[in-house]
Amino acid sequence: RNGGECKVRRRNKSSMKHNLIKSGRWTDSERRIFLKGLEKYGRGKWKEIATLIPTRSTVQVKTHAQMVMKRVQQGEDVFAEFSSPSSNVQQDNSNSVLNGYLVNIDA
């Protein structure tokens, strides 16, 4: 492969994902998947979390995480909406992930 062929492959691969990416408000299902990904992978693993949400880019996931962490700092329980018994996101485990994040950003 030469440089030109690599460039075309990269462009084609990125354009496939780009066609799925949407903007605007996050849906409930996207937020739920984000929280499950945060619980599974932990903070800072935005690329891994983004692979779970095909409609959002890594940058969008990172930006969403910043907004969520800001809401947590203000005392909001971001997991309350999804902490029903049928949900796989458990409030205690999820809050520990967020608390670890808050400790690290304050340091």
PDB file of N, CA and C in Angstrom:
ATOM      1  N   ARG A   1       0.838  -1.195   0.000  1.00  0.00           N
ATOM      2  CA  ARG A   1       0.000   0.000   0.000  1.00  0.00           C
ATOM      3  C   ARG A   1       0.874   1.248   0.000  1.00  0.00           C
ATOM      4  N   ASN A   2       0.478   2.232  -0.754  1.00  0.00           N
ATOM      5  CA  ASN A   2       1.206   3.500  -0.715  1.00  0.00           C
ATOM      6  C   ASN A   2       0.420   4.532   0.103  1.00  0.00           C
ATOM      7  N   GLY A   3       1.004   5.702   0.285  1.00  0.00           N
ATOM      8  CA  GLY A   3       0.377   6.737   1.112  1.00  0.00           C
ATOM      9  C   GLY A   3      -1.004   7.146   0.635  1.00  0.00           C
ATOM     10  N   GLY A   4      -1.184   7.229  -0.675  1.00  0.00           N
ATOM     11  CA  GLY A   4      -2.479   7.616  -1.224  1.00  0.00           C
ATOM     12  C   GLY A   4      -3.563   6.604  -0.927  1.00  0.00           C
ATOM     13  N   GLU A   5      -3.229   5.309  -1.030  1.00  0.00           N
ATOM     14  CA  GLU A   5      -4.208   4.267  -0.736  1.00  0.00           C
ATOM     15  C   GLU A   5      -4.601   4.282   0.738  1.00  0.00           C
ATOM     16  N   CYS A   6      -3.628   4.503   1.617  1.00  0.00           N
ATOM     17  CA  CYS A   6      -3.922   4.579   3.056  1.00  0.00           C
ATOM     18  C   CYS A   6      -4.859   5.737   3.360  1.00  0.00           C
ATOM     19  N   LYS A   7      -4.608   6.862   2.708  1.00  0.00           N
ATOM     20  CA  LYS A   7      -5.441   8.039   2.942  1.00  0.00           C
ATOM     21  C   LYS A   7      -6.886   7.775   2.530  1.00  0.00           C
ATOM     22  N   VAL A   8      -7.071   7.103   1.394  1.00  0.00           N
ATOM     23  CA  VAL A   8      -8.416   6.788   0.914  1.00  0.00           C
ATOM     24  C   VAL A   8      -9.103   5.827   1.886  1.00  0.00           C
ATOM     25  N   ARG A   9      -8.378   4.815   2.369  1.00  0.00           N
ATOM     26  CA  ARG A   9      -8.965   3.864   3.315  1.00  0.00           C
ATOM     27  C   ARG A   9      -9.407   4.557   4.594  1.00  0.00           C
ATOM     28  N   ARG A  10      -8.549   5.461   5.107  1.00  0.00           N
ATOM     29  CA  ARG A  10      -8.906   6.196   6.328  1.00  0.00           C
ATOM     30  C   ARG A  10     -10.142   7.044   6.104  1.00  0.00           C
ATOM     31  N   ARG A  11     -10.191   7.726   4.969  1.00  0.00           N
ATOM     32  CA  ARG A  11     -11.329   8.592   4.683  1.00  0.00           C
ATOM     33  C   ARG A  11     -12.613   7.781   4.568  1.00  0.00           C
ATOM     34  N   ASN A  12     -12.560   6.639   3.885  1.00  0.00           N
ATOM     35  CA  ASN A  12     -13.754   5.800   3.749  1.00  0.00           C
ATOM     36  C   ASN A  12     -14.206   5.246   5.088  1.00  0.00           C
ATOM     37  N   LYS A  13     -13.268   4.812   5.914  1.00  0.00           N
ATOM     38  CA  LYS A  13     -13.615   4.266   7.217  1.00  0.00           C
ATOM     39  C   LYS A  13     -14.250   5.332   8.099  1.00  0.00           C
ATOM     40  N   SER A  14     -13.659   6.538   8.123  1.00  0.00           N
ATOM     41  CA  SER A  14     -14.208   7.598   8.971  1.00  0.00           C
ATOM     42  C   SER A  14     -15.549   8.102   8.452  1.00  0.00           C
ATOM     43  N   SER A  15     -15.753   8.083   7.147  1.00  0.00           N
ATOM     44  CA  SER A  15     -17.031   8.574   6.622  1.00  0.00           C
ATOM     45  C   SER A  15     -18.173   7.617   6.957  1.00  0.00           C
ATOM     46  N   MET A  16     -17.883   6.316   7.097  1.00  0.00           N
ATOM     47  CA  MET A  16     -18.939   5.374   7.487  1.00  0.00           C
ATOM     48  C   MET A  16     -19.451   5.724   8.874  1.00  0.00           C
ATOM     49  N   LYS A  17     -18.562   5.973   9.812  1.00  0.00           N
ATOM     50  CA  LYS A  17     -18.967   6.345  11.173  1.00  0.00           C
ATOM     51  C   LYS A  17     -19.623   7.725  11.152  1.00  0.00           C
ATOM     52  N   HIS A  18     -19.092   8.624  10.335  1.00  0.00           N
ATOM     53  CA  HIS A  18     -19.622   9.986  10.285  1.00  0.00           C
ATOM     54  C   HIS A  18     -21.086  10.008   9.863  1.00  0.00           C
ATOM     55  N   ASN A  19     -21.501   9.097   9.013  1.00  0.00           N
ATOM     56  CA  ASN A  19     -22.897   9.054   8.574  1.00  0.00           C
ATOM     57  C   ASN A  19     -23.851   8.693   9.713  1.00  0.00           C
ATOM     58  N   LEU A  20     -23.349   7.993  10.732  1.00  0.00           N
ATOM     59  CA  LEU A  20     -24.192   7.600  11.863  1.00  0.00           C
ATOM     60  C   LEU A  20     -24.246   8.660  12.953  1.00  0.00           C
ATOM     61  N   ILE A  21     -23.226   9.514  13.017  1.00  0.00           N
ATOM     62  CA  ILE A  21     -23.107  10.492  14.097  1.00  0.00           C
ATOM     63  C   ILE A  21     -24.231  11.514  13.991  1.00  0.00           C
ATOM     64  N   LYS A  22     -24.849  11.779  15.128  1.00  0.00           N
ATOM     65  CA  LYS A  22     -25.882  12.813  15.150  1.00  0.00           C
ATOM     66  C   LYS A  22     -25.506  13.886  16.158  1.00  0.00           C
ATOM     67  N   SER A  23     -26.166  14.990  16.072  1.00  0.00           N
ATOM     68  CA  SER A  23     -25.901  16.092  17.005  1.00  0.00           C
ATOM     69  C   SER A  23     -27.168  16.369  17.801  1.00  0.00           C
ATOM     70  N   GLY A  24     -27.039  17.277  18.745  1.00  0.00           N
ATOM     71  CA  GLY A  24     -28.206  17.647  19.535  1.00  0.00           C
ATOM     72  C   GLY A  24     -28.295  16.881  20.838  1.00  0.00           C
ATOM     73  N   ARG A  25     -29.475  16.901  21.413  1.00  0.00           N
ATOM     74  CA  ARG A  25     -29.692  16.278  22.720  1.00  0.00           C
ATOM     75  C   ARG A  25     -29.485  14.768  22.659  1.00  0.00           C
ATOM     76  N   TRP A  26     -28.968  14.256  23.767  1.00  0.00           N
ATOM     77  CA  TRP A  26     -28.790  12.815  23.897  1.00  0.00           C
ATOM     78  C   TRP A  26     -30.128  12.171  24.242  1.00  0.00           C
ATOM     79  N   THR A  27     -30.403  11.031  23.657  1.00  0.00           N
ATOM     80  CA  THR A  27     -31.630  10.304  23.972  1.00  0.00           C
ATOM     81  C   THR A  27     -31.449   9.563  25.297  1.00  0.00           C
ATOM     82  N   ASP A  28     -32.563   9.098  25.867  1.00  0.00           N
ATOM     83  CA  ASP A  28     -32.497   8.320  27.106  1.00  0.00           C
ATOM     84  C   ASP A  28     -31.637   7.072  26.924  1.00  0.00           C
ATOM     85  N   SER A  29     -31.799   6.407  25.792  1.00  0.00           N
ATOM     86  CA  SER A  29     -31.024   5.176  25.576  1.00  0.00           C
ATOM     87  C   SER A  29     -29.534   5.485  25.447  1.00  0.00           C
ATOM     88  N   GLU A  30     -29.169   6.593  24.801  1.00  0.00           N
ATOM     89  CA  GLU A  30     -27.763   6.975  24.709  1.00  0.00           C
ATOM     90  C   GLU A  30     -27.185   7.284  26.095  1.00  0.00           C
ATOM     91  N   ARG A  31     -27.967   7.988  26.916  1.00  0.00           N
ATOM     92  CA  ARG A  31     -27.503   8.297  28.278  1.00  0.00           C
ATOM     93  C   ARG A  31     -27.353   7.030  29.110  1.00  0.00           C
ATOM     94  N   ARG A  32     -28.294   6.119  28.969  1.00  0.00           N
ATOM     95  CA  ARG A  32     -28.239   4.850  29.709  1.00  0.00           C
ATOM     96  C   ARG A  32     -26.998   4.059  29.301  1.00  0.00           C
ATOM     97  N   ILE A  33     -26.745   3.976  28.008  1.00  0.00           N
ATOM     98  CA  ILE A  33     -25.569   3.253  27.522  1.00  0.00           C
ATOM     99  C   ILE A  33     -24.292   3.947  27.991  1.00  0.00           C
ATOM    100  N   PHE A  34     -24.289   5.278  27.976  1.00  0.00           N
ATOM    101  CA  PHE A  34     -23.121   6.023  28.467  1.00  0.00           C
ATOM    102  C   PHE A  34     -22.831   5.663  29.924  1.00  0.00           C
ATOM    103  N   LEU A  35     -23.860   5.658  30.767  1.00  0.00           N
ATOM    104  CA  LEU A  35     -23.669   5.346  32.186  1.00  0.00           C
ATOM    105  C   LEU A  35     -23.200   3.910  32.396  1.00  0.00           C
ATOM    106  N   LYS A  36     -23.736   2.987  31.609  1.00  0.00           N
ATOM    107  CA  LYS A  36     -23.280   1.600  31.696  1.00  0.00           C
ATOM    108  C   LYS A  36     -21.820   1.501  31.246  1.00  0.00           C
ATOM    109  N   GLY A  37     -21.472   2.224  30.194  1.00  0.00           N
ATOM    110  CA  GLY A  37     -20.082   2.230  29.729  1.00  0.00           C
ATOM    111  C   GLY A  37     -19.153   2.841  30.751  1.00  0.00           C
ATOM    112  N   LEU A  38     -19.604   3.882  31.418  1.00  0.00           N
ATOM    113  CA  LEU A  38     -18.805   4.521  32.470  1.00  0.00           C
ATOM    114  C   LEU A  38     -18.574   3.539  33.610  1.00  0.00           C
ATOM    115  N   GLU A  39     -19.608   2.791  33.937  1.00  0.00           N
ATOM    116  CA  GLU A  39     -19.476   1.793  35.001  1.00  0.00           C
ATOM    117  C   GLU A  39     -18.519   0.676  34.578  1.00  0.00           C
ATOM    118  N   LYS A  40     -18.618   0.243  33.325  1.00  0.00           N
ATOM    119  CA  LYS A  40     -17.805  -0.878  32.843  1.00  0.00           C
ATOM    120  C   LYS A  40     -16.341  -0.491  32.649  1.00  0.00           C
ATOM    121  N   TYR A  41     -16.092   0.640  31.980  1.00  0.00           N
ATOM    122  CA  TYR A  41     -14.731   1.013  31.606  1.00  0.00           C
ATOM    123  C   TYR A  41     -14.092   2.023  32.554  1.00  0.00           C
ATOM    124  N   GLY A  42     -14.906   2.783  33.264  1.00  0.00           N
ATOM    125  CA  GLY A  42     -14.361   3.803  34.155  1.00  0.00           C
ATOM    126  C   GLY A  42     -14.124   5.118  33.435  1.00  0.00           C
ATOM    127  N   ARG A  43     -13.728   6.106  34.217  1.00  0.00           N
ATOM    128  CA  ARG A  43     -13.529   7.444  33.658  1.00  0.00           C
ATOM    129  C   ARG A  43     -12.298   7.459  32.758  1.00  0.00           C
ATOM    130  N   GLY A  44     -12.344   8.341  31.783  1.00  0.00           N
ATOM    131  CA  GLY A  44     -11.213   8.512  30.886  1.00  0.00           C
ATOM    132  C   GLY A  44     -11.157   7.542  29.731  1.00  0.00           C
ATOM    133  N   LYS A  45     -11.991   6.544  29.715  1.00  0.00           N
ATOM    134  CA  LYS A  45     -12.004   5.548  28.634  1.00  0.00           C
ATOM    135  C   LYS A  45     -13.080   5.908  27.612  1.00  0.00           C
ATOM    136  N   TRP A  46     -13.008   7.140  27.134  1.00  0.00           N
ATOM    137  CA  TRP A  46     -14.065   7.673  26.273  1.00  0.00           C
ATOM    138  C   TRP A  46     -14.140   6.938  24.948  1.00  0.00           C
ATOM    139  N   LYS A  47     -12.996   6.521  24.419  1.00  0.00           N
ATOM    140  CA  LYS A  47     -13.005   5.813  23.141  1.00  0.00           C
ATOM    141  C   LYS A  47     -13.752   4.488  23.272  1.00  0.00           C
ATOM    142  N   GLU A  48     -13.502   3.765  24.362  1.00  0.00           N
ATOM    143  CA  GLU A  48     -14.186   2.499  24.584  1.00  0.00           C
ATOM    144  C   GLU A  48     -15.687   2.714  24.789  1.00  0.00           C
ATOM    145  N   ILE A  49     -16.031   3.743  25.552  1.00  0.00           N
ATOM    146  CA  ILE A  49     -17.448   4.045  25.780  1.00  0.00           C
ATOM    147  C   ILE A  49     -18.115   4.453  24.466  1.00  0.00           C
ATOM    148  N   ALA A  50     -17.390   5.214  23.639  1.00  0.00           N
ATOM    149  CA  ALA A  50     -17.948   5.664  22.355  1.00  0.00           C
ATOM    150  C   ALA A  50     -18.239   4.485  21.427  1.00  0.00           C
ATOM    151  N   THR A  51     -17.490   3.403  21.549  1.00  0.00           N
ATOM    152  CA  THR A  51     -17.779   2.239  20.703  1.00  0.00           C
ATOM    153  C   THR A  51     -19.126   1.614  21.040  1.00  0.00           C
ATOM    154  N   LEU A  52     -19.614   1.854  22.248  1.00  0.00           N
ATOM    155  CA  LEU A  52     -20.927   1.336  22.651  1.00  0.00           C
ATOM    156  C   LEU A  52     -22.073   2.182  22.108  1.00  0.00           C
ATOM    157  N   ILE A  53     -21.762   3.422  21.734  1.00  0.00           N
ATOM    158  CA  ILE A  53     -22.787   4.368  21.276  1.00  0.00           C
ATOM    159  C   ILE A  53     -22.443   4.776  19.837  1.00  0.00           C
ATOM    160  N   PRO A  54     -22.926   4.036  18.851  1.00  0.00           N
ATOM    161  CA  PRO A  54     -22.530   4.304  17.466  1.00  0.00           C
ATOM    162  C   PRO A  54     -23.006   5.651  16.928  1.00  0.00           C
ATOM    163  N   THR A  55     -23.964   6.270  17.596  1.00  0.00           N
ATOM    164  CA  THR A  55     -24.494   7.542  17.112  1.00  0.00           C
ATOM    165  C   THR A  55     -23.728   8.744  17.659  1.00  0.00           C
ATOM    166  N   ARG A  56     -22.681   8.510  18.475  1.00  0.00           N
ATOM    167  CA  ARG A  56     -21.908   9.598  19.079  1.00  0.00           C
ATOM    168  C   ARG A  56     -20.418   9.367  18.871  1.00  0.00           C
ATOM    169  N   SER A  57     -19.695  10.457  18.637  1.00  0.00           N
ATOM    170  CA  SER A  57     -18.249  10.371  18.455  1.00  0.00           C
ATOM    171  C   SER A  57     -17.549  10.359  19.809  1.00  0.00           C
ATOM    172  N   THR A  58     -16.276  10.064  19.794  1.00  0.00           N
ATOM    173  CA  THR A  58     -15.487  10.064  21.020  1.00  0.00           C
ATOM    174  C   THR A  58     -15.486  11.446  21.656  1.00  0.00           C
ATOM    175  N   VAL A  59     -15.373  12.482  20.854  1.00  0.00           N
ATOM    176  CA  VAL A  59     -15.382  13.854  21.374  1.00  0.00           C
ATOM    177  C   VAL A  59     -16.724  14.164  22.022  1.00  0.00           C
ATOM    178  N   GLN A  60     -17.817  13.728  21.403  1.00  0.00           N
ATOM    179  CA  GLN A  60     -19.138  13.950  21.981  1.00  0.00           C
ATOM    180  C   GLN A  60     -19.288  13.218  23.312  1.00  0.00           C
ATOM    181  N   VAL A  61     -18.742  12.011  23.408  1.00  0.00           N
ATOM    182  CA  VAL A  61     -18.808  11.249  24.650  1.00  0.00           C
ATOM    183  C   VAL A  61     -18.013  11.961  25.736  1.00  0.00           C
ATOM    184  N   LYS A  62     -16.836  12.454  25.379  1.00  0.00           N
ATOM    185  CA  LYS A  62     -15.998  13.166  26.351  1.00  0.00           C
ATOM    186  C   LYS A  62     -16.688  14.445  26.832  1.00  0.00           C
ATOM    187  N   THR A  63     -17.286  15.171  25.927  1.00  0.00           N
ATOM    188  CA  THR A  63     -17.988  16.402  26.274  1.00  0.00           C
ATOM    189  C   THR A  63     -19.201  16.086  27.155  1.00  0.00           C
ATOM    190  N   HIS A  64     -19.915  15.029  26.823  1.00  0.00           N
ATOM    191  CA  HIS A  64     -21.067  14.623  27.627  1.00  0.00           C
ATOM    192  C   HIS A  64     -20.612  14.252  29.036  1.00  0.00           C
ATOM    193  N   ALA A  65     -19.485  13.572  29.130  1.00  0.00           N
ATOM    194  CA  ALA A  65     -18.951  13.189  30.436  1.00  0.00           C
ATOM    195  C   ALA A  65     -18.632  14.418  31.279  1.00  0.00           C
ATOM    196  N   GLN A  66     -18.068  15.444  30.665  1.00  0.00           N
ATOM    197  CA  GLN A  66     -17.772  16.679  31.399  1.00  0.00           C
ATOM    198  C   GLN A  66     -19.045  17.286  31.964  1.00  0.00           C
ATOM    199  N   MET A  67     -20.116  17.275  31.169  1.00  0.00           N
ATOM    200  CA  MET A  67     -21.395  17.820  31.621  1.00  0.00           C
ATOM    201  C   MET A  67     -21.956  16.981  32.773  1.00  0.00           C
ATOM    202  N   VAL A  68     -21.853  15.661  32.646  1.00  0.00           N
ATOM    203  CA  VAL A  68     -22.351  14.772  33.698  1.00  0.00           C
ATOM    204  C   VAL A  68     -21.570  14.997  34.987  1.00  0.00           C
ATOM    205  N   MET A  69     -20.252  15.095  34.891  1.00  0.00           N
ATOM    206  CA  MET A  69     -19.422  15.295  36.084  1.00  0.00           C
ATOM    207  C   MET A  69     -19.724  16.640  36.753  1.00  0.00           C
ATOM    208  N   LYS A  70     -20.024  17.644  35.955  1.00  0.00           N
ATOM    209  CA  LYS A  70     -20.387  18.952  36.508  1.00  0.00           C
ATOM    210  C   LYS A  70     -21.697  18.851  37.285  1.00  0.00           C
ATOM    211  N   ARG A  71     -22.660  18.101  36.746  1.00  0.00           N
ATOM    212  CA  ARG A  71     -23.934  17.914  37.435  1.00  0.00           C
ATOM    213  C   ARG A  71     -23.737  17.152  38.742  1.00  0.00           C
ATOM    214  N   VAL A  72     -22.827  16.184  38.746  1.00  0.00           N
ATOM    215  CA  VAL A  72     -22.542  15.423  39.964  1.00  0.00           C
ATOM    216  C   VAL A  72     -21.923  16.336  41.014  1.00  0.00           C
ATOM    217  N   GLN A  73     -21.001  17.198  40.602  1.00  0.00           N
ATOM    218  CA  GLN A  73     -20.378  18.139  41.537  1.00  0.00           C
ATOM    219  C   GLN A  73     -21.410  19.069  42.167  1.00  0.00           C
ATOM    220  N   GLN A  74     -22.471  19.362  41.425  1.00  0.00           N
ATOM    221  CA  GLN A  74     -23.521  20.228  41.935  1.00  0.00           C
ATOM    222  C   GLN A  74     -24.505  19.460  42.818  1.00  0.00           C
ATOM    223  N   GLY A  75     -24.255  18.162  43.026  1.00  0.00           N
ATOM    224  CA  GLY A  75     -25.076  17.368  43.928  1.00  0.00           C
ATOM    225  C   GLY A  75     -26.189  16.578  43.277  1.00  0.00           C
ATOM    226  N   GLU A  76     -26.273  16.576  41.972  1.00  0.00           N
ATOM    227  CA  GLU A  76     -27.346  15.854  41.291  1.00  0.00           C
ATOM    228  C   GLU A  76     -27.000  14.367  41.197  1.00  0.00           C
ATOM    229  N   ASP A  77     -27.985  13.515  41.402  1.00  0.00           N
ATOM    230  CA  ASP A  77     -27.793  12.078  41.248  1.00  0.00           C
ATOM    231  C   ASP A  77     -28.152  11.706  39.815  1.00  0.00           C
ATOM    232  N   VAL A  78     -27.139  11.628  38.963  1.00  0.00           N
ATOM    233  CA  VAL A  78     -27.372  11.378  37.543  1.00  0.00           C
ATOM    234  C   VAL A  78     -27.837   9.949  37.281  1.00  0.00           C
ATOM    235  N   PHE A  79     -27.658   9.068  38.262  1.00  0.00           N
ATOM    236  CA  PHE A  79     -28.057   7.678  38.088  1.00  0.00           C
ATOM    237  C   PHE A  79     -29.480   7.413  38.569  1.00  0.00           C
ATOM    238  N   ALA A  80     -30.105   8.373  39.215  1.00  0.00           N
ATOM    239  CA  ALA A  80     -31.436   8.173  39.790  1.00  0.00           C
ATOM    240  C   ALA A  80     -32.456   7.787  38.724  1.00  0.00           C
ATOM    241  N   GLU A  81     -32.382   8.412  37.573  1.00  0.00           N
ATOM    242  CA  GLU A  81     -33.348   8.160  36.506  1.00  0.00           C
ATOM    243  C   GLU A  81     -33.276   6.717  36.013  1.00  0.00           C
ATOM    244  N   PHE A  82     -32.076   6.127  36.064  1.00  0.00           N
ATOM    245  CA  PHE A  82     -31.880   4.793  35.510  1.00  0.00           C
ATOM    246  C   PHE A  82     -31.601   3.741  36.558  1.00  0.00           C
ATOM    247  N   SER A  83     -31.846   4.029  37.825  1.00  0.00           N
ATOM    248  CA  SER A  83     -31.515   3.075  38.877  1.00  0.00           C
ATOM    249  C   SER A  83     -32.712   2.236  39.307  1.00  0.00           C
ATOM    250  N   SER A  84     -33.648   2.026  38.403  1.00  0.00           N
ATOM    251  CA  SER A  84     -34.784   1.164  38.708  1.00  0.00           C
ATOM    252  C   SER A  84     -34.303  -0.277  38.820  1.00  0.00           C
ATOM    253  N   PRO A  85     -35.067  -1.159  39.473  1.00  0.00           N
ATOM    254  CA  PRO A  85     -34.638  -2.557  39.630  1.00  0.00           C
ATOM    255  C   PRO A  85     -34.364  -3.264  38.310  1.00  0.00           C
ATOM    256  N   SER A  86     -35.021  -2.855  37.235  1.00  0.00           N
ATOM    257  CA  SER A  86     -34.810  -3.521  35.945  1.00  0.00           C
ATOM    258  C   SER A  86     -33.545  -3.037  35.249  1.00  0.00           C
ATOM    259  N   SER A  87     -32.965  -1.957  35.725  1.00  0.00           N
ATOM    260  CA  SER A  87     -31.770  -1.415  35.108  1.00  0.00           C
ATOM    261  C   SER A  87     -30.539  -2.154  35.597  1.00  0.00           C
ATOM    262  N   ASN A  88     -29.536  -2.300  34.726  1.00  0.00           N
ATOM    263  CA  ASN A  88     -28.281  -2.948  35.106  1.00  0.00           C
ATOM    264  C   ASN A  88     -27.316  -1.981  35.768  1.00  0.00           C
ATOM    265  N   VAL A  89     -27.619  -0.688  35.737  1.00  0.00           N
ATOM    266  CA  VAL A  89     -26.745   0.293  36.360  1.00  0.00           C
ATOM    267  C   VAL A  89     -27.123   0.370  37.829  1.00  0.00           C
ATOM    268  N   GLN A  90     -26.203   0.000  38.689  1.00  0.00           N
ATOM    269  CA  GLN A  90     -26.471   0.028  40.114  1.00  0.00           C
ATOM    270  C   GLN A  90     -25.907   1.304  40.697  1.00  0.00           C
ATOM    271  N   GLN A  91     -26.695   1.976  41.467  1.00  0.00           N
ATOM    272  CA  GLN A  91     -26.337   3.290  41.978  1.00  0.00           C
ATOM    273  C   GLN A  91     -25.048   3.278  42.784  1.00  0.00           C
ATOM    274  N   ASP A  92     -24.856   2.310  43.680  1.00  0.00           N
ATOM    275  CA  ASP A  92     -23.676   2.288  44.535  1.00  0.00           C
ATOM    276  C   ASP A  92     -22.395   2.167  43.728  1.00  0.00           C
ATOM    277  N   ASN A  93     -22.335   1.221  42.790  1.00  0.00           N
ATOM    278  CA  ASN A  93     -21.136   1.035  41.982  1.00  0.00           C
ATOM    279  C   ASN A  93     -20.877   2.234  41.086  1.00  0.00           C
ATOM    280  N   SER A  94     -21.924   2.768  40.500  1.00  0.00           N
ATOM    281  CA  SER A  94     -21.768   3.883  39.580  1.00  0.00           C
ATOM    282  C   SER A  94     -21.291   5.129  40.303  1.00  0.00           C
ATOM    283  N   ASN A  95     -21.844   5.390  41.477  1.00  0.00           N
ATOM    284  CA  ASN A  95     -21.415   6.561  42.215  1.00  0.00           C
ATOM    285  C   ASN A  95     -19.960   6.448  42.624  1.00  0.00           C
ATOM    286  N   SER A  96     -19.473   5.240  42.901  1.00  0.00           N
ATOM    287  CA  SER A  96     -18.071   5.091  43.262  1.00  0.00           C
ATOM    288  C   SER A  96     -17.180   5.448  42.081  1.00  0.00           C
ATOM    289  N   VAL A  97     -17.631   5.118  40.868  1.00  0.00           N
ATOM    290  CA  VAL A  97     -16.874   5.505  39.681  1.00  0.00           C
ATOM    291  C   VAL A  97     -16.819   7.025  39.587  1.00  0.00           C
ATOM    292  N   LEU A  98     -17.952   7.682  39.790  1.00  0.00           N
ATOM    293  CA  LEU A  98     -17.985   9.134  39.708  1.00  0.00           C
ATOM    294  C   LEU A  98     -17.207   9.773  40.834  1.00  0.00           C
ATOM    295  N   ASN A  99     -17.322   9.230  42.039  1.00  0.00           N
ATOM    296  CA  ASN A  99     -16.574   9.796  43.154  1.00  0.00           C
ATOM    297  C   ASN A  99     -15.086   9.706  42.914  1.00  0.00           C
ATOM    298  N   GLY A 100     -14.625   8.603  42.336  1.00  0.00           N
ATOM    299  CA  GLY A 100     -13.212   8.480  41.986  1.00  0.00           C
ATOM    300  C   GLY A 100     -12.803   9.534  40.976  1.00  0.00           C
ATOM    301  N   TYR A 101     -13.687   9.820  40.041  1.00  0.00           N
ATOM    302  CA  TYR A 101     -13.409  10.848  39.050  1.00  0.00           C
ATOM    303  C   TYR A 101     -13.312  12.214  39.725  1.00  0.00           C
ATOM    304  N   LEU A 102     -14.259  12.500  40.612  1.00  0.00           N
ATOM    305  CA  LEU A 102     -14.260  13.800  41.277  1.00  0.00           C
ATOM    306  C   LEU A 102     -13.024  13.998  42.134  1.00  0.00           C
ATOM    307  N   VAL A 103     -12.577  12.949  42.788  1.00  0.00           N
ATOM    308  CA  VAL A 103     -11.360  13.059  43.598  1.00  0.00           C
ATOM    309  C   VAL A 103     -10.183  13.403  42.698  1.00  0.00           C
ATOM    310  N   ASN A 104     -10.105  12.761  41.536  1.00  0.00           N
ATOM    311  CA  ASN A 104      -8.967  12.989  40.648  1.00  0.00           C
ATOM    312  C   ASN A 104      -8.999  14.361  39.979  1.00  0.00           C
ATOM    313  N   ILE A 105     -10.169  14.895  39.685  1.00  0.00           N
ATOM    314  CA  ILE A 105     -10.173  16.205  39.034  1.00  0.00           C
ATOM    315  C   ILE A 105      -9.919  17.309  40.030  1.00  0.00           C
ATOM    316  N   ASP A 106     -10.164  17.048  41.320  1.00  0.00           N
ATOM    317  CA  ASP A 106      -9.879  18.050  42.336  1.00  0.00           C
ATOM    318  C   ASP A 106      -8.401  18.096  42.700  1.00  0.00           C
ATOM    319  N   ALA A 107      -7.676  17.027  42.410  1.00  0.00           N
ATOM    320  CA  ALA A 107      -6.255  16.932  42.784  1.00  0.00           C
ATOM    321  C   ALA A 107      -5.382  17.800  41.892  1.00  0.00           C
TER     322      ALA A 107
END
